[in-house]
Amino acid sequence: MSKILHFSHKPAFPLRDGGCVAISSVLKSLISQPQNDIYHFTLATTKHPFERDDYPSSWIKKMEIDHFQVNTRTDLMGAIYYLFRDKSYNIGRFKDKQLYKRLKQLLEAEKFDIIILDSLYTTPYLSLFREHCDKIIMRAHNVEHLIWKQLAKGQKFSIKRWYFNRLSKQLKRYEDSTIQSLDGIIAITEGDAQYFHRFTPAVTVTAIPTAVKTNFDNPNYSKEDFYFLGAMDWLPNKEGVHWLLTRVLPEGLKGGTLHIAGKSLQPDEIKHENVTCHGEVKDARQYINQHGICVIPMLSGSGIKIKLLENMAMAKPIITTSEGVRGVEVKHGREVLIADTPEAFREQMYALLIDEKKRKALGQAAKKFVIHNYGEEKITRRINSFIHDV
């Protein structure tokens, strides 16, 4: 029996965004094995509050759950403070003296054989964990600094572009330094794993994607509308939707309708020709089932886009970008349609709008791909093997 502390920067439930899905995937893999004794400790924030009842009752019976509320809100004074100290503000927002004391009490009361840090944003407490545990593994959701580097490229204003580049450089310095102190890293994509291995040859690194549920009924391919669903408090999503509306569809969608929904989006917040803004929806799967063609207009990011895998698992026809399929070995025209210019993206949208046969072929191929490569049983075996053998 191995006592494992799973420490996440936000609750696994509800599944409000891709990060929550990734966290819940690892947690499910851990609690599914009887040899694991799991203590799940999560941070709670304004954006991601903790409610025990959000977790499945069957999961609660299999592990201990605890949480701590931290204030991660951004503010001008905090940004200026970290800017002049030349430290990462992205990481600094997760530092809390009372949390440090709470974690220290936990580590002194419990003896853990393995500690799993779910994302880079749990690592400000790495030195404390190292004092109490000999095996520390990080689940890397992304190569975090690359997200800000890509976001900087998309900024028109020089001051904002400079600041995003500065955030990226500070975060890279922290990221490259911190991962040296880990015993293992579980990256989500092969590309991320190669990056980490290049900078940490002494640390054991592997690539294990997020597991995805696939037991869904096939959708109705006669539905001709388009939809986007994503957390709108995440800058890459905001950037992608802005590009979609202003560059791809500046005059609207002739003969069709685009539906947009996501966390932190207000109903009718988006005013655009042929666009229906639903705000934050309670049931993501119901929303997806109500609509036809998925669009994922991602221009920046890192790691796997969970929204891509979820929609593929539901056998939905998808139009996305090269960034949207980063780390997923799909092919244009077989499992998804890939377009990187506004003109090409718009052309693919109109092509699918009139071709139900193509919509069905893409959706079915996408689901088969996910079943073969991202099934829960396969991912569970790989994660548990790695954490016990590293």
Protein backbone atom coordinates (compact mmCIF):
# COMPACT_ATOMS: atom_id res chain seq x y z
CA MET A 1 0.00 0.00 0.00
CA SER A 2 1.36 3.42 -1.02
CA LYS A 3 0.22 6.60 0.70
CA ILE A 4 -0.08 9.27 -2.03
CA LEU A 5 -0.70 13.00 -1.68
CA HIS A 6 -2.34 14.42 -4.79
CA PHE A 7 -2.05 18.22 -4.69
CA SER A 8 -3.91 20.26 -7.31
CA HIS A 9 -4.14 23.99 -7.98
CA LYS A 10 -7.93 23.82 -8.42
CA PRO A 11 -10.68 21.27 -7.67
CA ALA A 12 -11.16 18.35 -10.03
CA PHE A 13 -14.93 18.96 -10.00
CA PRO A 14 -17.07 20.36 -11.44
CA LEU A 15 -15.52 19.83 -14.88
CA ARG A 16 -15.60 23.52 -15.76
CA ASP A 17 -12.56 23.57 -18.06
CA GLY A 18 -9.80 21.45 -19.55
CA GLY A 19 -7.62 21.81 -16.47
CA CYS A 20 -10.31 20.27 -14.28
CA VAL A 21 -10.72 17.42 -16.75
CA ALA A 22 -6.97 16.76 -16.70
CA ILE A 23 -6.85 16.80 -12.89
CA SER A 24 -9.86 14.49 -12.57
CA SER A 25 -8.30 12.10 -15.08
CA VAL A 26 -5.14 11.66 -12.99
CA LEU A 27 -7.14 11.40 -9.78
CA LYS A 28 -9.42 8.74 -11.24
CA SER A 29 -6.39 6.72 -12.33
CA LEU A 30 -4.99 6.90 -8.80
CA ILE A 31 -8.12 5.95 -6.87
CA SER A 32 -8.91 3.07 -9.24
CA GLN A 33 -5.97 1.07 -7.92
CA PRO A 34 -6.52 -0.65 -4.53
CA GLN A 35 -2.81 -0.41 -3.66
CA ASN A 36 -3.08 3.41 -3.58
CA ASP A 37 -4.17 5.25 -0.43
CA ILE A 38 -5.05 8.71 -1.76
CA TYR A 39 -5.16 12.04 0.06
CA HIS A 40 -6.46 14.68 -2.36
CA PHE A 41 -5.63 18.24 -1.32
CA THR A 42 -6.84 21.00 -3.63
CA LEU A 43 -6.61 24.74 -3.70
CA ALA A 44 -9.85 26.68 -4.09
CA THR A 45 -10.12 30.09 -5.73
CA THR A 46 -12.78 32.60 -6.68
CA LYS A 47 -12.83 31.15 -10.18
CA HIS A 48 -12.74 27.57 -8.94
CA PRO A 49 -14.52 27.26 -5.56
CA PHE A 50 -14.49 23.97 -3.71
CA GLU A 51 -17.69 22.06 -2.99
CA ARG A 52 -17.32 18.52 -1.70
CA ASP A 53 -20.67 17.55 -3.18
CA ASP A 54 -19.35 18.33 -6.67
CA TYR A 55 -17.19 15.21 -6.41
CA PRO A 56 -18.84 11.85 -7.27
CA SER A 57 -19.91 10.08 -4.09
CA SER A 58 -18.09 6.93 -5.21
CA TRP A 59 -14.84 8.91 -5.39
CA ILE A 60 -15.29 10.46 -1.96
CA LYS A 61 -15.48 6.98 -0.43
CA LYS A 62 -12.12 6.04 -1.93
CA MET A 63 -9.97 8.95 -0.70
CA GLU A 64 -9.53 11.72 1.81
CA ILE A 65 -10.32 15.20 0.51
CA ASP A 66 -9.16 18.54 1.87
CA HIS A 67 -8.94 22.06 0.48
CA PHE A 68 -7.58 25.53 1.17
CA GLN A 69 -8.91 28.85 -0.15
CA VAL A 70 -6.30 31.11 -1.77
CA ASN A 71 -6.64 34.52 -3.39
CA THR A 72 -5.20 34.29 -6.91
CA ARG A 73 -6.83 37.41 -8.29
CA THR A 74 -4.61 39.65 -10.33
CA ASP A 75 -4.19 43.30 -9.37
CA LEU A 76 -2.06 46.18 -10.58
CA MET A 77 0.03 46.54 -7.41
CA GLY A 78 0.82 42.84 -7.36
CA ALA A 79 1.84 42.91 -11.02
CA ILE A 80 4.11 45.91 -10.43
CA TYR A 81 5.63 44.32 -7.31
CA TYR A 82 6.62 41.14 -9.16
CA LEU A 83 7.70 43.08 -12.22
CA PHE A 84 10.27 45.09 -10.27
CA ARG A 85 11.42 42.02 -8.35
CA ASP A 86 11.79 40.24 -11.72
CA LYS A 87 9.88 37.25 -10.35
CA SER A 88 7.03 35.30 -11.92
CA TYR A 89 3.69 36.90 -11.06
CA ASN A 90 1.96 33.83 -12.52
CA ILE A 91 3.54 31.72 -9.78
CA GLY A 92 3.47 34.37 -7.07
CA ARG A 93 -0.33 34.47 -7.08
CA PHE A 94 -0.34 30.92 -5.68
CA LYS A 95 1.92 31.70 -2.73
CA ASP A 96 0.20 31.94 0.64
CA LYS A 97 1.81 31.89 4.09
CA GLN A 98 -1.21 30.32 5.74
CA LEU A 99 -1.32 27.63 3.10
CA TYR A 100 2.34 26.88 3.78
CA LYS A 101 1.51 26.37 7.47
CA ARG A 102 -1.47 24.17 6.60
CA LEU A 103 0.62 21.97 4.30
CA LYS A 104 3.35 21.72 6.90
CA GLN A 105 0.82 20.51 9.47
CA LEU A 106 -0.46 17.91 7.02
CA LEU A 107 3.03 16.65 6.16
CA GLU A 108 3.97 16.38 9.83
CA ALA A 109 0.77 14.47 10.62
CA GLU A 110 0.85 12.13 7.61
CA LYS A 111 3.67 10.12 6.06
CA PHE A 112 3.43 10.10 2.27
CA ASP A 113 5.34 7.72 0.03
CA ILE A 114 4.63 9.71 -3.12
CA ILE A 115 3.54 13.31 -3.73
CA ILE A 116 1.96 14.22 -7.06
CA LEU A 117 1.90 17.92 -7.89
CA ASP A 118 -0.84 18.51 -10.46
CA SER A 119 0.51 21.45 -12.51
CA LEU A 120 3.43 23.84 -12.15
CA TYR A 121 1.29 26.16 -10.00
CA THR A 122 1.53 23.80 -7.02
CA THR A 123 5.34 23.91 -6.99
CA PRO A 124 5.87 27.04 -4.81
CA TYR A 125 5.76 24.57 -1.91
CA LEU A 126 8.19 22.09 -3.46
CA SER A 127 10.97 22.67 -0.92
CA LEU A 128 8.53 21.91 1.92
CA PHE A 129 7.37 18.73 0.21
CA ARG A 130 10.99 17.68 -0.33
CA GLU A 131 11.65 17.84 3.41
CA HIS A 132 8.95 15.23 4.01
CA CYS A 133 8.90 12.96 0.97
CA ASP A 134 11.50 11.17 -1.16
CA LYS A 135 9.44 10.86 -4.35
CA ILE A 136 7.83 13.93 -5.91
CA ILE A 137 6.26 13.81 -9.36
CA MET A 138 4.70 16.67 -11.31
CA ARG A 139 1.86 16.30 -13.78
CA ALA A 140 2.64 19.06 -16.30
CA HIS A 141 -0.49 20.35 -18.00
CA ASN A 142 1.61 22.49 -20.36
CA VAL A 143 5.03 24.01 -20.84
CA GLU A 144 3.56 27.04 -19.14
CA HIS A 145 5.88 29.81 -20.33
CA LEU A 146 5.25 28.91 -23.97
CA ILE A 147 1.60 29.94 -23.62
CA TRP A 148 2.59 33.49 -22.71
CA LYS A 149 5.27 33.59 -25.39
CA GLN A 150 2.67 32.71 -28.01
CA LEU A 151 0.14 35.14 -26.55
CA ALA A 152 2.74 37.92 -26.82
CA LYS A 153 3.05 37.32 -30.57
CA GLY A 154 -0.65 37.96 -31.00
CA GLN A 155 -0.62 41.35 -29.25
CA LYS A 156 -0.92 44.45 -31.44
CA PHE A 157 0.02 46.91 -28.69
CA SER A 158 3.76 47.06 -28.02
CA ILE A 159 3.41 47.60 -24.24
CA LYS A 160 1.16 44.56 -23.81
CA ARG A 161 3.41 42.50 -26.07
CA TRP A 162 6.44 43.55 -24.01
CA TYR A 163 4.69 42.67 -20.74
CA PHE A 164 3.55 39.23 -21.96
CA ASN A 165 7.09 38.50 -23.16
CA ARG A 166 8.38 39.56 -19.75
CA LEU A 167 5.90 37.22 -18.03
CA SER A 168 7.02 34.42 -20.33
CA LYS A 169 10.71 34.94 -19.59
CA GLN A 170 10.13 35.10 -15.82
CA LEU A 171 7.95 32.01 -15.92
CA LYS A 172 10.52 30.15 -18.05
CA ARG A 173 13.28 30.93 -15.59
CA TYR A 174 11.14 29.63 -12.73
CA GLU A 175 9.93 26.60 -14.70
CA ASP A 176 13.39 25.51 -15.86
CA SER A 177 14.82 25.90 -12.36
CA THR A 178 11.98 24.21 -10.47
CA ILE A 179 11.71 21.05 -12.56
CA GLN A 180 15.32 20.21 -11.70
CA SER A 181 14.18 19.33 -8.16
CA LEU A 182 11.57 16.78 -9.19
CA ASP A 183 11.95 13.02 -9.37
CA GLY A 184 9.58 12.58 -12.27
CA ILE A 185 7.49 14.56 -14.75
CA ILE A 186 4.38 13.30 -16.50
CA ALA A 187 3.88 15.50 -19.55
CA ILE A 188 0.66 15.46 -21.55
CA THR A 189 2.32 15.41 -24.99
CA GLU A 190 5.50 13.98 -26.50
CA GLY A 191 6.55 17.48 -27.50
CA ASP A 192 6.28 18.75 -23.92
CA ALA A 193 8.13 15.66 -22.65
CA GLN A 194 10.98 16.33 -25.07
CA TYR A 195 11.23 19.91 -23.84
CA PHE A 196 11.40 18.86 -20.18
CA HIS A 197 13.92 16.11 -20.90
CA ARG A 198 16.16 18.56 -22.73
CA PHE A 199 16.41 20.77 -19.65
CA THR A 200 16.26 18.02 -16.99
CA PRO A 201 18.22 14.99 -18.26
CA ALA A 202 18.56 13.69 -14.69
CA VAL A 203 14.78 13.70 -14.10
CA THR A 204 12.65 10.82 -15.37
CA VAL A 205 10.17 12.19 -17.91
CA THR A 206 7.32 10.47 -19.70
CA ALA A 207 4.40 11.53 -21.87
CA ILE A 208 0.96 10.26 -20.85
CA PRO A 209 -2.10 12.01 -22.31
CA THR A 210 -5.32 12.75 -20.48
CA ALA A 211 -7.78 9.86 -20.47
CA VAL A 212 -11.11 10.58 -22.13
CA LYS A 213 -14.53 8.97 -21.73
CA THR A 214 -15.85 7.52 -24.97
CA ASN A 215 -19.15 5.84 -24.01
CA PHE A 216 -21.35 8.38 -25.79
CA ASP A 217 -24.14 7.85 -28.29
CA ASN A 218 -23.46 9.08 -31.81
CA PRO A 219 -24.70 12.63 -32.46
CA ASN A 220 -27.29 13.81 -34.95
CA TYR A 221 -25.25 14.75 -38.01
CA SER A 222 -28.15 16.57 -39.64
CA LYS A 223 -27.53 19.54 -37.34
CA GLU A 224 -25.92 22.29 -39.40
CA ASP A 225 -25.00 24.93 -36.81
CA PHE A 226 -21.57 25.61 -35.30
CA TYR A 227 -20.52 25.88 -31.67
CA PHE A 228 -17.59 26.79 -29.44
CA LEU A 229 -17.30 25.88 -25.76
CA GLY A 230 -14.35 26.98 -23.66
CA ALA A 231 -13.34 28.82 -20.50
CA MET A 232 -13.36 32.49 -21.41
CA ASP A 233 -11.17 33.48 -18.48
CA TRP A 234 -8.27 31.71 -20.23
CA LEU A 235 -6.49 34.08 -22.61
CA PRO A 236 -5.85 31.58 -25.47
CA ASN A 237 -9.61 30.96 -25.68
CA LYS A 238 -10.41 34.68 -25.69
CA GLU A 239 -7.76 35.25 -28.33
CA GLY A 240 -9.13 32.41 -30.49
CA VAL A 241 -12.74 33.55 -30.30
CA HIS A 242 -11.72 37.14 -31.11
CA TRP A 243 -9.85 35.88 -34.18
CA LEU A 244 -12.85 33.79 -35.22
CA LEU A 245 -15.28 36.70 -34.99
CA THR A 246 -13.11 39.50 -36.37
CA ARG A 247 -10.97 37.69 -38.95
CA VAL A 248 -12.79 34.52 -39.96
CA LEU A 249 -16.38 35.81 -39.78
CA PRO A 250 -16.17 39.62 -39.84
CA GLU A 251 -19.52 39.82 -41.65
CA GLY A 252 -21.18 36.94 -39.85
CA LEU A 253 -22.02 33.44 -41.05
CA LYS A 254 -24.27 33.48 -44.08
CA GLY A 255 -26.80 30.65 -43.96
CA GLY A 256 -25.65 29.40 -40.57
CA THR A 257 -25.47 30.14 -36.86
CA LEU A 258 -22.53 30.10 -34.44
CA HIS A 259 -23.16 29.36 -30.74
CA ILE A 260 -20.60 30.39 -28.12
CA ALA A 261 -20.56 29.37 -24.45
CA GLY A 262 -18.04 29.01 -21.66
CA LYS A 263 -17.00 29.69 -18.11
CA SER A 264 -16.86 33.38 -17.13
CA LEU A 265 -18.90 34.40 -20.18
CA GLN A 266 -22.03 36.45 -19.62
CA PRO A 267 -25.20 35.74 -21.63
CA ASP A 268 -25.37 38.07 -24.65
CA GLU A 269 -21.87 39.39 -23.86
CA ILE A 270 -20.88 38.81 -27.47
CA LYS A 271 -22.71 40.92 -30.03
CA HIS A 272 -22.06 39.65 -33.54
CA GLU A 273 -23.98 38.83 -36.68
CA ASN A 274 -25.37 35.26 -36.64
CA VAL A 275 -23.81 34.54 -33.24
CA THR A 276 -25.76 33.35 -30.20
CA CYS A 277 -23.97 33.89 -26.89
CA HIS A 278 -25.17 31.47 -24.19
CA GLY A 279 -22.87 32.57 -21.36
CA GLU A 280 -21.83 29.86 -18.91
CA VAL A 281 -23.76 26.62 -19.42
CA LYS A 282 -24.51 24.18 -16.60
CA ASP A 283 -24.26 20.99 -18.65
CA ALA A 284 -21.42 21.01 -21.19
CA ARG A 285 -22.37 17.69 -22.77
CA GLN A 286 -25.99 18.73 -23.22
CA TYR A 287 -24.83 21.94 -24.90
CA ILE A 288 -22.52 19.99 -27.23
CA ASN A 289 -25.28 17.53 -28.13
CA GLN A 290 -27.65 20.37 -28.97
CA HIS A 291 -25.37 21.67 -31.72
CA GLY A 292 -23.67 20.32 -34.80
CA ILE A 293 -20.15 21.32 -35.84
CA CYS A 294 -17.40 22.10 -33.32
CA VAL A 295 -14.97 24.95 -33.98
CA ILE A 296 -11.74 25.26 -31.98
CA PRO A 297 -9.93 28.40 -33.22
CA MET A 298 -6.79 28.15 -31.10
CA LEU A 299 -3.80 30.36 -31.93
CA SER A 300 -1.71 29.80 -28.79
CA GLY A 301 -1.28 27.34 -25.95
CA SER A 302 0.71 24.28 -24.99
CA GLY A 303 -0.05 20.69 -24.16
CA ILE A 304 -3.14 18.93 -25.43
CA LYS A 305 -6.35 20.88 -25.90
CA ILE A 306 -8.76 18.85 -23.79
CA LYS A 307 -11.74 20.36 -25.60
CA LEU A 308 -10.45 18.73 -28.80
CA LEU A 309 -10.35 15.24 -27.28
CA GLU A 310 -13.73 15.62 -25.56
CA ASN A 311 -15.47 16.62 -28.77
CA MET A 312 -13.69 13.88 -30.71
CA ALA A 313 -14.84 11.35 -28.11
CA MET A 314 -18.41 12.51 -28.68
CA ALA A 315 -17.95 11.88 -32.43
CA LYS A 316 -18.40 15.52 -33.38
CA PRO A 317 -17.12 16.97 -36.68
CA ILE A 318 -14.40 19.50 -35.82
CA ILE A 319 -12.67 22.41 -37.51
CA THR A 320 -9.56 23.66 -35.74
CA THR A 321 -6.04 25.00 -36.26
CA SER A 322 -2.57 23.45 -36.14
CA GLU A 323 -2.29 24.78 -32.58
CA GLY A 324 -5.63 23.17 -31.74
CA VAL A 325 -4.31 19.70 -32.58
CA ARG A 326 -0.83 20.16 -31.11
CA GLY A 327 0.30 16.88 -29.55
CA VAL A 328 -2.51 14.84 -31.12
CA GLU A 329 -1.51 12.84 -34.20
CA VAL A 330 -4.65 13.44 -36.23
CA LYS A 331 -4.69 14.15 -39.95
CA HIS A 332 -6.48 16.89 -41.83
CA GLY A 333 -9.44 15.48 -43.70
CA ARG A 334 -9.46 12.20 -41.80
CA GLU A 335 -10.36 12.91 -38.14
CA VAL A 336 -10.61 16.72 -38.20
CA LEU A 337 -10.31 19.67 -40.56
CA ILE A 338 -7.31 21.95 -39.96
CA ALA A 339 -7.09 25.55 -41.18
CA ASP A 340 -4.65 28.24 -40.07
CA THR A 341 -5.73 31.29 -42.06
CA PRO A 342 -9.03 33.13 -41.75
CA GLU A 343 -9.85 32.37 -45.37
CA ALA A 344 -9.15 28.64 -45.04
CA PHE A 345 -11.03 28.37 -41.75
CA ARG A 346 -14.08 30.11 -43.23
CA GLU A 347 -13.92 27.88 -46.32
CA GLN A 348 -13.92 24.72 -44.17
CA MET A 349 -16.90 25.99 -42.18
CA TYR A 350 -18.98 26.55 -45.30
CA ALA A 351 -17.86 23.21 -46.75
CA LEU A 352 -19.10 21.28 -43.69
CA LEU A 353 -22.25 23.35 -43.50
CA ILE A 354 -23.54 21.75 -46.71
CA ASP A 355 -22.02 18.25 -46.42
CA GLU A 356 -23.71 15.95 -43.89
CA LYS A 357 -21.86 12.91 -45.21
CA LYS A 358 -18.50 14.58 -44.51
CA ARG A 359 -19.64 15.62 -41.04
CA LYS A 360 -20.48 12.01 -40.18
CA ALA A 361 -17.24 10.61 -41.62
CA LEU A 362 -15.11 13.04 -39.61
CA GLY A 363 -17.04 12.46 -36.39
CA GLN A 364 -16.87 8.68 -36.58
CA ALA A 365 -13.16 8.68 -37.42
CA ALA A 366 -12.47 11.09 -34.54
CA LYS A 367 -14.20 8.86 -32.01
CA LYS A 368 -12.33 5.74 -33.19
CA PHE A 369 -9.05 7.64 -32.84
CA VAL A 370 -9.79 8.62 -29.24
CA ILE A 371 -10.91 5.11 -28.27
CA HIS A 372 -7.66 3.67 -29.61
CA ASN A 373 -5.28 6.27 -28.15
CA TYR A 374 -6.91 7.82 -25.06
CA GLY A 375 -8.99 5.09 -23.43
CA GLU A 376 -9.20 5.30 -19.62
CA GLU A 377 -7.98 1.75 -18.90
CA LYS A 378 -4.80 2.18 -20.94
CA ILE A 379 -3.96 5.58 -19.42
CA THR A 380 -4.62 4.31 -15.88
CA ARG A 381 -2.10 1.49 -16.29
CA ARG A 382 0.56 3.85 -17.62
CA ILE A 383 0.17 6.47 -14.88
CA ASN A 384 0.28 3.98 -12.01
CA SER A 385 3.21 2.13 -13.50
CA PHE A 386 5.20 5.35 -13.83
CA ILE A 387 4.57 6.75 -10.34
CA HIS A 388 5.50 3.47 -8.66
CA ASP A 389 8.55 2.68 -10.80
CA VAL A 390 10.22 6.08 -11.18
